[in-house]
């Protein structure tokens, strides 16, 4: 997913989702896993002035599902966003808890 292709509306929605999830997340990975389990597709979201709209976004779970949809499959998705401190945290989350096939 190329972040430059995201509209302001989508970025705003992801930020809102991350803000709603924040109170459910404490310092444990168990809390992060509980939130991630609620979504088929999960995005990491962080503040980043160098990115469009001042927000960095990375898909950390659900790459295959997004690929299917981009090829014309209609679907309703449960999307979750996790607040991250920086991109490195989203990358680590993807590597530890994501489903990306390398």
PDB file of N, CA and C in Angstrom:
ATOM      1  N   UNK A   1       0.840  -1.174   0.000  1.00  0.00           N
ATOM      2  CA  UNK A   1       0.000   0.000   0.000  1.00  0.00           C
ATOM      3  C   UNK A   1       0.884   1.236   0.000  1.00  0.00           C
ATOM      4  N   UNK A   2       0.617   2.105  -0.908  1.00  0.00           N
ATOM      5  CA  UNK A   2       1.364   3.356  -0.992  1.00  0.00           C
ATOM      6  C   UNK A   2       0.594   4.425  -0.226  1.00  0.00           C
ATOM      7  N   UNK A   3       1.213   4.940   0.820  1.00  0.00           N
ATOM      8  CA  UNK A   3       0.530   5.917   1.659  1.00  0.00           C
ATOM      9  C   UNK A   3       0.132   7.156   0.891  1.00  0.00           C
ATOM     10  N   UNK A   4       0.864   7.521  -0.145  1.00  0.00           N
ATOM     11  CA  UNK A   4       0.537   8.715  -0.919  1.00  0.00           C
ATOM     12  C   UNK A   4      -0.790   8.583  -1.656  1.00  0.00           C
ATOM     13  N   UNK A   5      -1.333   7.370  -1.738  1.00  0.00           N
ATOM     14  CA  UNK A   5      -2.601   7.145  -2.414  1.00  0.00           C
ATOM     15  C   UNK A   5      -3.800   7.314  -1.478  1.00  0.00           C
ATOM     16  N   UNK A   6      -3.535   7.507  -0.189  1.00  0.00           N
ATOM     17  CA  UNK A   6      -4.625   7.639   0.763  1.00  0.00           C
ATOM     18  C   UNK A   6      -5.179   9.055   0.747  1.00  0.00           C
ATOM     19  N   UNK A   7      -6.496   9.154   0.770  1.00  0.00           N
ATOM     20  CA  UNK A   7      -7.138  10.466   0.799  1.00  0.00           C
ATOM     21  C   UNK A   7      -7.119  11.025   2.220  1.00  0.00           C
ATOM     22  N   UNK A   8      -7.349  12.302   2.318  1.00  0.00           N
ATOM     23  CA  UNK A   8      -7.420  12.949   3.633  1.00  0.00           C
ATOM     24  C   UNK A   8      -8.518  12.319   4.479  1.00  0.00           C
ATOM     25  N   UNK A   9      -9.634  11.965   3.856  1.00  0.00           N
ATOM     26  CA  UNK A   9     -10.757  11.359   4.572  1.00  0.00           C
ATOM     27  C   UNK A   9     -10.350  10.009   5.171  1.00  0.00           C
ATOM     28  N   UNK A  10      -9.648   9.200   4.411  1.00  0.00           N
ATOM     29  CA  UNK A  10      -9.225   7.889   4.916  1.00  0.00           C
ATOM     30  C   UNK A  10      -8.231   8.050   6.053  1.00  0.00           C
ATOM     31  N   UNK A  11      -7.276   8.940   5.881  1.00  0.00           N
ATOM     32  CA  UNK A  11      -6.294   9.180   6.945  1.00  0.00           C
ATOM     33  C   UNK A  11      -7.004   9.667   8.207  1.00  0.00           C
ATOM     34  N   UNK A  12      -7.948  10.566   8.059  1.00  0.00           N
ATOM     35  CA  UNK A  12      -8.691  11.068   9.218  1.00  0.00           C
ATOM     36  C   UNK A  12      -9.451   9.934   9.912  1.00  0.00           C
ATOM     37  N   UNK A  13     -10.053   9.066   9.137  1.00  0.00           N
ATOM     38  CA  UNK A  13     -10.787   7.934   9.725  1.00  0.00           C
ATOM     39  C   UNK A  13      -9.844   6.997  10.481  1.00  0.00           C
ATOM     40  N   UNK A  14      -8.664   6.757   9.910  1.00  0.00           N
ATOM     41  CA  UNK A  14      -7.694   5.896  10.585  1.00  0.00           C
ATOM     42  C   UNK A  14      -7.196   6.531  11.881  1.00  0.00           C
ATOM     43  N   UNK A  15      -6.973   7.834  11.861  1.00  0.00           N
ATOM     44  CA  UNK A  15      -6.570   8.541  13.085  1.00  0.00           C
ATOM     45  C   UNK A  15      -7.668   8.413  14.140  1.00  0.00           C
ATOM     46  N   UNK A  16      -8.912   8.588  13.738  1.00  0.00           N
ATOM     47  CA  UNK A  16     -10.031   8.460  14.680  1.00  0.00           C
ATOM     48  C   UNK A  16     -10.105   7.049  15.260  1.00  0.00           C
ATOM     49  N   UNK A  17      -9.902   6.040  14.410  1.00  0.00           N
ATOM     50  CA  UNK A  17      -9.899   4.657  14.894  1.00  0.00           C
ATOM     51  C   UNK A  17      -8.766   4.431  15.896  1.00  0.00           C
ATOM     52  N   UNK A  18      -7.601   4.960  15.598  1.00  0.00           N
ATOM     53  CA  UNK A  18      -6.453   4.812  16.509  1.00  0.00           C
ATOM     54  C   UNK A  18      -6.735   5.522  17.832  1.00  0.00           C
ATOM     55  N   UNK A  19      -7.324   6.694  17.767  1.00  0.00           N
ATOM     56  CA  UNK A  19      -7.646   7.430  18.990  1.00  0.00           C
ATOM     57  C   UNK A  19      -8.674   6.680  19.837  1.00  0.00           C
ATOM     58  N   UNK A  20      -9.627   6.024  19.188  1.00  0.00           N
ATOM     59  CA  UNK A  20     -10.623   5.241  19.931  1.00  0.00           C
ATOM     60  C   UNK A  20     -10.006   3.987  20.537  1.00  0.00           C
ATOM     61  N   UNK A  21      -9.000   3.419  19.881  1.00  0.00           N
ATOM     62  CA  UNK A  21      -8.360   2.205  20.392  1.00  0.00           C
ATOM     63  C   UNK A  21      -7.382   2.491  21.524  1.00  0.00           C
ATOM     64  N   UNK A  22      -6.837   3.692  21.559  1.00  0.00           N
ATOM     65  CA  UNK A  22      -5.779   4.030  22.520  1.00  0.00           C
ATOM     66  C   UNK A  22      -6.128   3.691  23.975  1.00  0.00           C
ATOM     67  N   UNK A  23      -7.329   3.992  24.457  1.00  0.00           N
ATOM     68  CA  UNK A  23      -7.627   3.681  25.862  1.00  0.00           C
ATOM     69  C   UNK A  23      -7.615   2.177  26.174  1.00  0.00           C
ATOM     70  N   UNK A  24      -7.767   1.350  25.159  1.00  0.00           N
ATOM     71  CA  UNK A  24      -7.771  -0.100  25.365  1.00  0.00           C
ATOM     72  C   UNK A  24      -6.365  -0.694  25.421  1.00  0.00           C
ATOM     73  N   UNK A  25      -5.364   0.118  25.081  1.00  0.00           N
ATOM     74  CA  UNK A  25      -4.000  -0.383  24.983  1.00  0.00           C
ATOM     75  C   UNK A  25      -3.187   0.126  26.167  1.00  0.00           C
ATOM     76  N   UNK A  26      -2.579  -0.832  26.883  1.00  0.00           N
ATOM     77  CA  UNK A  26      -1.673  -0.446  27.959  1.00  0.00           C
ATOM     78  C   UNK A  26      -0.249  -0.815  27.535  1.00  0.00           C
ATOM     79  N   UNK A  27       0.641  -1.017  28.460  1.00  0.00           N
ATOM     80  CA  UNK A  27       2.037  -1.287  28.113  1.00  0.00           C
ATOM     81  C   UNK A  27       2.294  -2.733  27.707  1.00  0.00           C
ATOM     82  N   UNK A  28       1.252  -3.564  27.672  1.00  0.00           N
ATOM     83  CA  UNK A  28       1.451  -4.981  27.355  1.00  0.00           C
ATOM     84  C   UNK A  28       1.090  -5.310  25.907  1.00  0.00           C
ATOM     85  N   UNK A  29       1.770  -6.315  25.376  1.00  0.00           N
ATOM     86  CA  UNK A  29       1.420  -6.803  24.032  1.00  0.00           C
ATOM     87  C   UNK A  29       0.070  -7.490  24.049  1.00  0.00           C
ATOM     88  N   UNK A  30      -0.334  -8.026  25.186  1.00  0.00           N
ATOM     89  CA  UNK A  30      -1.644  -8.673  25.264  1.00  0.00           C
ATOM     90  C   UNK A  30      -2.755  -7.690  24.915  1.00  0.00           C
ATOM     91  N   UNK A  31      -2.638  -6.462  25.379  1.00  0.00           N
ATOM     92  CA  UNK A  31      -3.671  -5.468  25.069  1.00  0.00           C
ATOM     93  C   UNK A  31      -3.653  -5.109  23.585  1.00  0.00           C
ATOM     94  N   UNK A  32      -2.470  -5.022  23.004  1.00  0.00           N
ATOM     95  CA  UNK A  32      -2.357  -4.741  21.565  1.00  0.00           C
ATOM     96  C   UNK A  32      -2.969  -5.888  20.770  1.00  0.00           C
ATOM     97  N   UNK A  33      -2.672  -7.111  21.171  1.00  0.00           N
ATOM     98  CA  UNK A  33      -3.235  -8.282  20.477  1.00  0.00           C
ATOM     99  C   UNK A  33      -4.755  -8.302  20.558  1.00  0.00           C
ATOM    100  N   UNK A  34      -5.308  -7.942  21.720  1.00  0.00           N
ATOM    101  CA  UNK A  34      -6.771  -7.915  21.866  1.00  0.00           C
ATOM    102  C   UNK A  34      -7.391  -6.927  20.887  1.00  0.00           C
ATOM    103  N   UNK A  35      -6.793  -5.754  20.763  1.00  0.00           N
ATOM    104  CA  UNK A  35      -7.317  -4.751  19.830  1.00  0.00           C
ATOM    105  C   UNK A  35      -7.151  -5.238  18.390  1.00  0.00           C
ATOM    106  N   UNK A  36      -5.979  -5.774  18.069  1.00  0.00           N
ATOM    107  CA  UNK A  36      -5.731  -6.257  16.702  1.00  0.00           C
ATOM    108  C   UNK A  36      -6.693  -7.373  16.317  1.00  0.00           C
ATOM    109  N   UNK A  37      -7.065  -8.203  17.270  1.00  0.00           N
ATOM    110  CA  UNK A  37      -7.963  -9.336  16.985  1.00  0.00           C
ATOM    111  C   UNK A  37      -9.345  -8.878  16.541  1.00  0.00           C
ATOM    112  N   UNK A  38      -9.677  -7.641  16.801  1.00  0.00           N
ATOM    113  CA  UNK A  38     -10.989  -7.106  16.412  1.00  0.00           C
ATOM    114  C   UNK A  38     -11.074  -6.781  14.925  1.00  0.00           C
ATOM    115  N   UNK A  39      -9.935  -6.730  14.235  1.00  0.00           N
ATOM    116  CA  UNK A  39      -9.945  -6.313  12.835  1.00  0.00           C
ATOM    117  C   UNK A  39      -9.391  -7.346  11.886  1.00  0.00           C
ATOM    118  N   UNK A  40      -9.947  -7.367  10.690  1.00  0.00           N
ATOM    119  CA  UNK A  40      -9.381  -8.173   9.611  1.00  0.00           C
ATOM    120  C   UNK A  40      -8.169  -7.466   9.017  1.00  0.00           C
ATOM    121  N   UNK A  41      -8.242  -6.141   9.012  1.00  0.00           N
ATOM    122  CA  UNK A  41      -7.154  -5.302   8.525  1.00  0.00           C
ATOM    123  C   UNK A  41      -6.808  -4.333   9.652  1.00  0.00           C
ATOM    124  N   UNK A  42      -5.497  -4.243   9.936  1.00  0.00           N
ATOM    125  CA  UNK A  42      -5.035  -3.384  11.025  1.00  0.00           C
ATOM    126  C   UNK A  42      -3.949  -2.450  10.494  1.00  0.00           C
ATOM    127  N   UNK A  43      -4.094  -1.176  10.823  1.00  0.00           N
ATOM    128  CA  UNK A  43      -3.114  -0.170  10.429  1.00  0.00           C
ATOM    129  C   UNK A  43      -2.426   0.378  11.668  1.00  0.00           C
ATOM    130  N   UNK A  44      -1.127   0.631  11.552  1.00  0.00           N
ATOM    131  CA  UNK A  44      -0.407   1.411  12.536  1.00  0.00           C
ATOM    132  C   UNK A  44      -0.459   2.859  12.090  1.00  0.00           C
ATOM    133  N   UNK A  45      -0.675   3.777  13.034  1.00  0.00           N
ATOM    134  CA  UNK A  45      -0.838   5.195  12.725  1.00  0.00           C
ATOM    135  C   UNK A  45       0.030   6.002  13.692  1.00  0.00           C
ATOM    136  N   UNK A  46       0.788   6.968  13.160  1.00  0.00           N
ATOM    137  CA  UNK A  46       1.653   7.806  14.002  1.00  0.00           C
ATOM    138  C   UNK A  46       1.756   9.199  13.395  1.00  0.00           C
ATOM    139  N   UNK A  47       2.135  10.157  14.223  1.00  0.00           N
ATOM    140  CA  UNK A  47       2.356  11.516  13.737  1.00  0.00           C
ATOM    141  C   UNK A  47       3.671  11.558  12.974  1.00  0.00           C
ATOM    142  N   UNK A  48       3.633  12.175  11.785  1.00  0.00           N
ATOM    143  CA  UNK A  48       4.842  12.273  10.957  1.00  0.00           C
ATOM    144  C   UNK A  48       4.675  13.470  10.021  1.00  0.00           C
ATOM    145  N   UNK A  49       5.356  14.546  10.340  1.00  0.00           N
ATOM    146  CA  UNK A  49       5.228  15.780   9.550  1.00  0.00           C
ATOM    147  C   UNK A  49       5.698  15.618   8.114  1.00  0.00           C
ATOM    148  N   UNK A  50       6.517  14.603   7.840  1.00  0.00           N
ATOM    149  CA  UNK A  50       7.024  14.412   6.482  1.00  0.00           C
ATOM    150  C   UNK A  50       6.030  13.680   5.577  1.00  0.00           C
ATOM    151  N   UNK A  51       4.968  13.150   6.148  1.00  0.00           N
ATOM    152  CA  UNK A  51       3.970  12.396   5.386  1.00  0.00           C
ATOM    153  C   UNK A  51       2.769  13.272   5.044  1.00  0.00           C
ATOM    154  N   UNK A  52       2.039  12.880   4.002  1.00  0.00           N
ATOM    155  CA  UNK A  52       0.821  13.639   3.675  1.00  0.00           C
ATOM    156  C   UNK A  52      -0.105  13.728   4.890  1.00  0.00           C
ATOM    157  N   UNK A  53      -0.645  14.890   5.113  1.00  0.00           N
ATOM    158  CA  UNK A  53      -1.591  15.161   6.195  1.00  0.00           C
ATOM    159  C   UNK A  53      -0.945  15.056   7.579  1.00  0.00           C
ATOM    160  N   UNK A  54       0.389  14.933   7.648  1.00  0.00           N
ATOM    161  CA  UNK A  54       1.086  14.883   8.928  1.00  0.00           C
ATOM    162  C   UNK A  54       0.942  13.587   9.685  1.00  0.00           C
ATOM    163  N   UNK A  55       0.536  12.537   8.978  1.00  0.00           N
ATOM    164  CA  UNK A  55       0.272  11.250   9.618  1.00  0.00           C
ATOM    165  C   UNK A  55       0.919  10.135   8.813  1.00  0.00           C
ATOM    166  N   UNK A  56       1.643   9.257   9.515  1.00  0.00           N
ATOM    167  CA  UNK A  56       2.182   8.061   8.895  1.00  0.00           C
ATOM    168  C   UNK A  56       1.206   6.911   9.081  1.00  0.00           C
ATOM    169  N   UNK A  57       1.071   6.079   8.065  1.00  0.00           N
ATOM    170  CA  UNK A  57       0.143   4.946   8.100  1.00  0.00           C
ATOM    171  C   UNK A  57       0.836   3.735   7.500  1.00  0.00           C
ATOM    172  N   UNK A  58       0.699   2.589   8.158  1.00  0.00           N
ATOM    173  CA  UNK A  58       1.275   1.358   7.637  1.00  0.00           C
ATOM    174  C   UNK A  58       0.304   0.212   7.927  1.00  0.00           C
ATOM    175  N   UNK A  59       0.016  -0.585   6.929  1.00  0.00           N
ATOM    176  CA  UNK A  59      -0.789  -1.779   7.142  1.00  0.00           C
ATOM    177  C   UNK A  59       0.085  -2.796   7.868  1.00  0.00           C
ATOM    178  N   UNK A  60      -0.371  -3.252   9.025  1.00  0.00           N
ATOM    179  CA  UNK A  60       0.406  -4.212   9.804  1.00  0.00           C
ATOM    180  C   UNK A  60      -0.231  -5.599   9.816  1.00  0.00           C
ATOM    181  N   UNK A  61      -1.476  -5.691   9.387  1.00  0.00           N
ATOM    182  CA  UNK A  61      -2.173  -6.977   9.306  1.00  0.00           C
ATOM    183  C   UNK A  61      -3.255  -6.857   8.244  1.00  0.00           C
ATOM    184  N   UNK A  62      -3.408  -7.903   7.430  1.00  0.00           N
ATOM    185  CA  UNK A  62      -4.481  -7.931   6.447  1.00  0.00           C
ATOM    186  C   UNK A  62      -4.056  -7.595   5.033  1.00  0.00           C
ATOM    187  N   UNK A  63      -2.771  -7.719   4.735  1.00  0.00           N
ATOM    188  CA  UNK A  63      -2.275  -7.405   3.388  1.00  0.00           C
ATOM    189  C   UNK A  63      -2.983  -8.216   2.305  1.00  0.00           C
ATOM    190  N   UNK A  64      -3.161  -9.498   2.543  1.00  0.00           N
ATOM    191  CA  UNK A  64      -3.799 -10.344   1.526  1.00  0.00           C
ATOM    192  C   UNK A  64      -5.247  -9.935   1.310  1.00  0.00           C
ATOM    193  N   UNK A  65      -5.925  -9.569   2.370  1.00  0.00           N
ATOM    194  CA  UNK A  65      -7.319  -9.139   2.247  1.00  0.00           C
ATOM    195  C   UNK A  65      -7.408  -7.845   1.425  1.00  0.00           C
ATOM    196  N   UNK A  66      -6.496  -6.917   1.679  1.00  0.00           N
ATOM    197  CA  UNK A  66      -6.475  -5.682   0.890  1.00  0.00           C
ATOM    198  C   UNK A  66      -6.158  -5.970  -0.570  1.00  0.00           C
ATOM    199  N   UNK A  67      -5.271  -6.898  -0.817  1.00  0.00           N
ATOM    200  CA  UNK A  67      -4.920  -7.274  -2.188  1.00  0.00           C
ATOM    201  C   UNK A  67      -6.136  -7.840  -2.915  1.00  0.00           C
ATOM    202  N   UNK A  68      -6.894  -8.698  -2.242  1.00  0.00           N
ATOM    203  CA  UNK A  68      -8.105  -9.267  -2.840  1.00  0.00           C
ATOM    204  C   UNK A  68      -9.092  -8.169  -3.231  1.00  0.00           C
ATOM    205  N   UNK A  69      -9.276  -7.225  -2.345  1.00  0.00           N
ATOM    206  CA  UNK A  69     -10.222  -6.139  -2.596  1.00  0.00           C
ATOM    207  C   UNK A  69      -9.742  -5.273  -3.752  1.00  0.00           C
ATOM    208  N   UNK A  70      -8.433  -5.025  -3.809  1.00  0.00           N
ATOM    209  CA  UNK A  70      -7.906  -4.195  -4.896  1.00  0.00           C
ATOM    210  C   UNK A  70      -8.075  -4.861  -6.253  1.00  0.00           C
ATOM    211  N   UNK A  71      -8.283  -6.175  -6.271  1.00  0.00           N
ATOM    212  CA  UNK A  71      -8.481  -6.909  -7.517  1.00  0.00           C
ATOM    213  C   UNK A  71      -9.955  -7.068  -7.856  1.00  0.00           C
ATOM    214  N   UNK A  72     -10.811  -6.342  -7.139  1.00  0.00           N
ATOM    215  CA  UNK A  72     -12.210  -6.304  -7.510  1.00  0.00           C
ATOM    216  C   UNK A  72     -13.142  -7.102  -6.628  1.00  0.00           C
ATOM    217  N   UNK A  73     -12.654  -7.763  -5.611  1.00  0.00           N
ATOM    218  CA  UNK A  73     -13.517  -8.510  -4.710  1.00  0.00           C
ATOM    219  C   UNK A  73     -14.233  -7.526  -3.793  1.00  0.00           C
ATOM    220  N   UNK A  74     -15.549  -7.621  -3.757  1.00  0.00           N
ATOM    221  CA  UNK A  74     -16.300  -6.750  -2.859  1.00  0.00           C
ATOM    222  C   UNK A  74     -16.232  -7.326  -1.457  1.00  0.00           C
ATOM    223  N   UNK A  75     -16.146  -6.437  -0.486  1.00  0.00           N
ATOM    224  CA  UNK A  75     -16.064  -6.920   0.886  1.00  0.00           C
ATOM    225  C   UNK A  75     -16.373  -5.817   1.869  1.00  0.00           C
ATOM    226  N   UNK A  76     -16.893  -6.235   2.988  1.00  0.00           N
ATOM    227  CA  UNK A  76     -16.999  -5.360   4.144  1.00  0.00           C
ATOM    228  C   UNK A  76     -15.901  -5.816   5.082  1.00  0.00           C
ATOM    229  N   UNK A  77     -15.144  -4.859   5.571  1.00  0.00           N
ATOM    230  CA  UNK A  77     -14.003  -5.177   6.417  1.00  0.00           C
ATOM    231  C   UNK A  77     -14.166  -4.604   7.811  1.00  0.00           C
ATOM    232  N   UNK A  78     -13.631  -5.339   8.763  1.00  0.00           N
ATOM    233  CA  UNK A  78     -13.459  -4.772  10.102  1.00  0.00           C
ATOM    234  C   UNK A  78     -12.047  -4.202  10.135  1.00  0.00           C
ATOM    235  N   UNK A  79     -11.961  -2.892  10.216  1.00  0.00           N
ATOM    236  CA  UNK A  79     -10.666  -2.208  10.208  1.00  0.00           C
ATOM    237  C   UNK A  79     -10.379  -1.661  11.596  1.00  0.00           C
ATOM    238  N   UNK A  80      -9.151  -1.855  12.023  1.00  0.00           N
ATOM    239  CA  UNK A  80      -8.678  -1.366  13.312  1.00  0.00           C
ATOM    240  C   UNK A  80      -7.422  -0.556  13.047  1.00  0.00           C
ATOM    241  N   UNK A  81      -7.204   0.473  13.853  1.00  0.00           N
ATOM    242  CA  UNK A  81      -5.962   1.237  13.777  1.00  0.00           C
ATOM    243  C   UNK A  81      -5.336   1.286  15.170  1.00  0.00           C
ATOM    244  N   UNK A  82      -4.045   1.091  15.201  1.00  0.00           N
ATOM    245  CA  UNK A  82      -3.278   1.074  16.441  1.00  0.00           C
ATOM    246  C   UNK A  82      -2.412   2.340  16.490  1.00  0.00           C
ATOM    247  N   UNK A  83      -2.499   3.113  17.548  1.00  0.00           N
ATOM    248  CA  UNK A  83      -1.615   4.276  17.643  1.00  0.00           C
ATOM    249  C   UNK A  83      -0.173   3.820  17.875  1.00  0.00           C
ATOM    250  N   UNK A  84       0.749   4.381  17.112  1.00  0.00           N
ATOM    251  CA  UNK A  84       2.167   4.061  17.240  1.00  0.00           C
ATOM    252  C   UNK A  84       2.938   5.344  17.524  1.00  0.00           C
ATOM    253  N   UNK A  85       4.091   5.190  18.148  1.00  0.00           N
ATOM    254  CA  UNK A  85       4.935   6.339  18.454  1.00  0.00           C
ATOM    255  C   UNK A  85       5.646   6.823  17.198  1.00  0.00           C
ATOM    256  N   UNK A  86       6.066   5.867  16.365  1.00  0.00           N
ATOM    257  CA  UNK A  86       6.803   6.179  15.139  1.00  0.00           C
ATOM    258  C   UNK A  86       6.679   5.011  14.176  1.00  0.00           C
ATOM    259  N   UNK A  87       7.195   5.189  12.965  1.00  0.00           N
ATOM    260  CA  UNK A  87       7.101   4.152  11.951  1.00  0.00           C
ATOM    261  C   UNK A  87       7.764   2.860  12.400  1.00  0.00           C
ATOM    262  N   UNK A  88       8.896   2.952  13.085  1.00  0.00           N
ATOM    263  CA  UNK A  88       9.608   1.752  13.526  1.00  0.00           C
ATOM    264  C   UNK A  88       8.726   0.875  14.410  1.00  0.00           C
ATOM    265  N   UNK A  89       7.872   1.482  15.196  1.00  0.00           N
ATOM    266  CA  UNK A  89       6.972   0.712  16.048  1.00  0.00           C
ATOM    267  C   UNK A  89       5.935  -0.030  15.198  1.00  0.00           C
ATOM    268  N   UNK A  90       5.432   0.615  14.164  1.00  0.00           N
ATOM    269  CA  UNK A  90       4.480  -0.033  13.263  1.00  0.00           C
ATOM    270  C   UNK A  90       5.149  -1.178  12.505  1.00  0.00           C
ATOM    271  N   UNK A  91       6.396  -0.979  12.076  1.00  0.00           N
ATOM    272  CA  UNK A  91       7.141  -2.035  11.383  1.00  0.00           C
ATOM    273  C   UNK A  91       7.329  -3.223  12.317  1.00  0.00           C
ATOM    274  N   UNK A  92       7.726  -2.966  13.556  1.00  0.00           N
ATOM    275  CA  UNK A  92       7.920  -4.047  14.522  1.00  0.00           C
ATOM    276  C   UNK A  92       6.610  -4.784  14.776  1.00  0.00           C
ATOM    277  N   UNK A  93       5.523  -4.047  14.885  1.00  0.00           N
ATOM    278  CA  UNK A  93       4.216  -4.667  15.095  1.00  0.00           C
ATOM    279  C   UNK A  93       3.858  -5.575  13.928  1.00  0.00           C
ATOM    280  N   UNK A  94       4.129  -5.114  12.732  1.00  0.00           N
ATOM    281  CA  UNK A  94       3.874  -5.934  11.542  1.00  0.00           C
ATOM    282  C   UNK A  94       4.721  -7.206  11.564  1.00  0.00           C
ATOM    283  N   UNK A  95       5.973  -7.078  11.926  1.00  0.00           N
ATOM    284  CA  UNK A  95       6.874  -8.231  11.942  1.00  0.00           C
ATOM    285  C   UNK A  95       6.495  -9.232  13.023  1.00  0.00           C
ATOM    286  N   UNK A  96       6.040  -8.748  14.158  1.00  0.00           N
ATOM    287  CA  UNK A  96       5.724  -9.635  15.279  1.00  0.00           C
ATOM    288  C   UNK A  96       4.315 -10.202  15.199  1.00  0.00           C
ATOM    289  N   UNK A  97       3.348  -9.368  14.831  1.00  0.00           N
ATOM    290  CA  UNK A  97       1.936  -9.758  14.898  1.00  0.00           C
ATOM    291  C   UNK A  97       1.233  -9.785  13.549  1.00  0.00           C
ATOM    292  N   UNK A  98       1.884  -9.317  12.511  1.00  0.00           N
ATOM    293  CA  UNK A  98       1.235  -9.223  11.202  1.00  0.00           C
ATOM    294  C   UNK A  98       1.171 -10.555  10.471  1.00  0.00           C
ATOM    295  N   UNK A  99       0.585 -10.504   9.299  1.00  0.00           N
ATOM    296  CA  UNK A  99       0.391 -11.715   8.501  1.00  0.00           C
ATOM    297  C   UNK A  99       1.022 -11.599   7.125  1.00  0.00           C
ATOM    298  N   UNK A 100       1.907 -10.648   6.945  1.00  0.00           N
ATOM    299  CA  UNK A 100       2.488 -10.402   5.620  1.00  0.00           C
ATOM    300  C   UNK A 100       3.351 -11.570   5.182  1.00  0.00           C
ATOM    301  N   UNK A 101       3.162 -11.968   3.949  1.00  0.00           N
ATOM    302  CA  UNK A 101       3.985 -13.022   3.359  1.00  0.00           C
ATOM    303  C   UNK A 101       5.126 -12.357   2.632  1.00  0.00           C
ATOM    304  N   UNK A 102       6.349 -12.650   3.035  1.00  0.00           N
ATOM    305  CA  UNK A 102       7.530 -12.035   2.402  1.00  0.00           C
ATOM    306  C   UNK A 102       8.045 -12.891   1.272  1.00  0.00           C
TER     307      UNK A 102
END
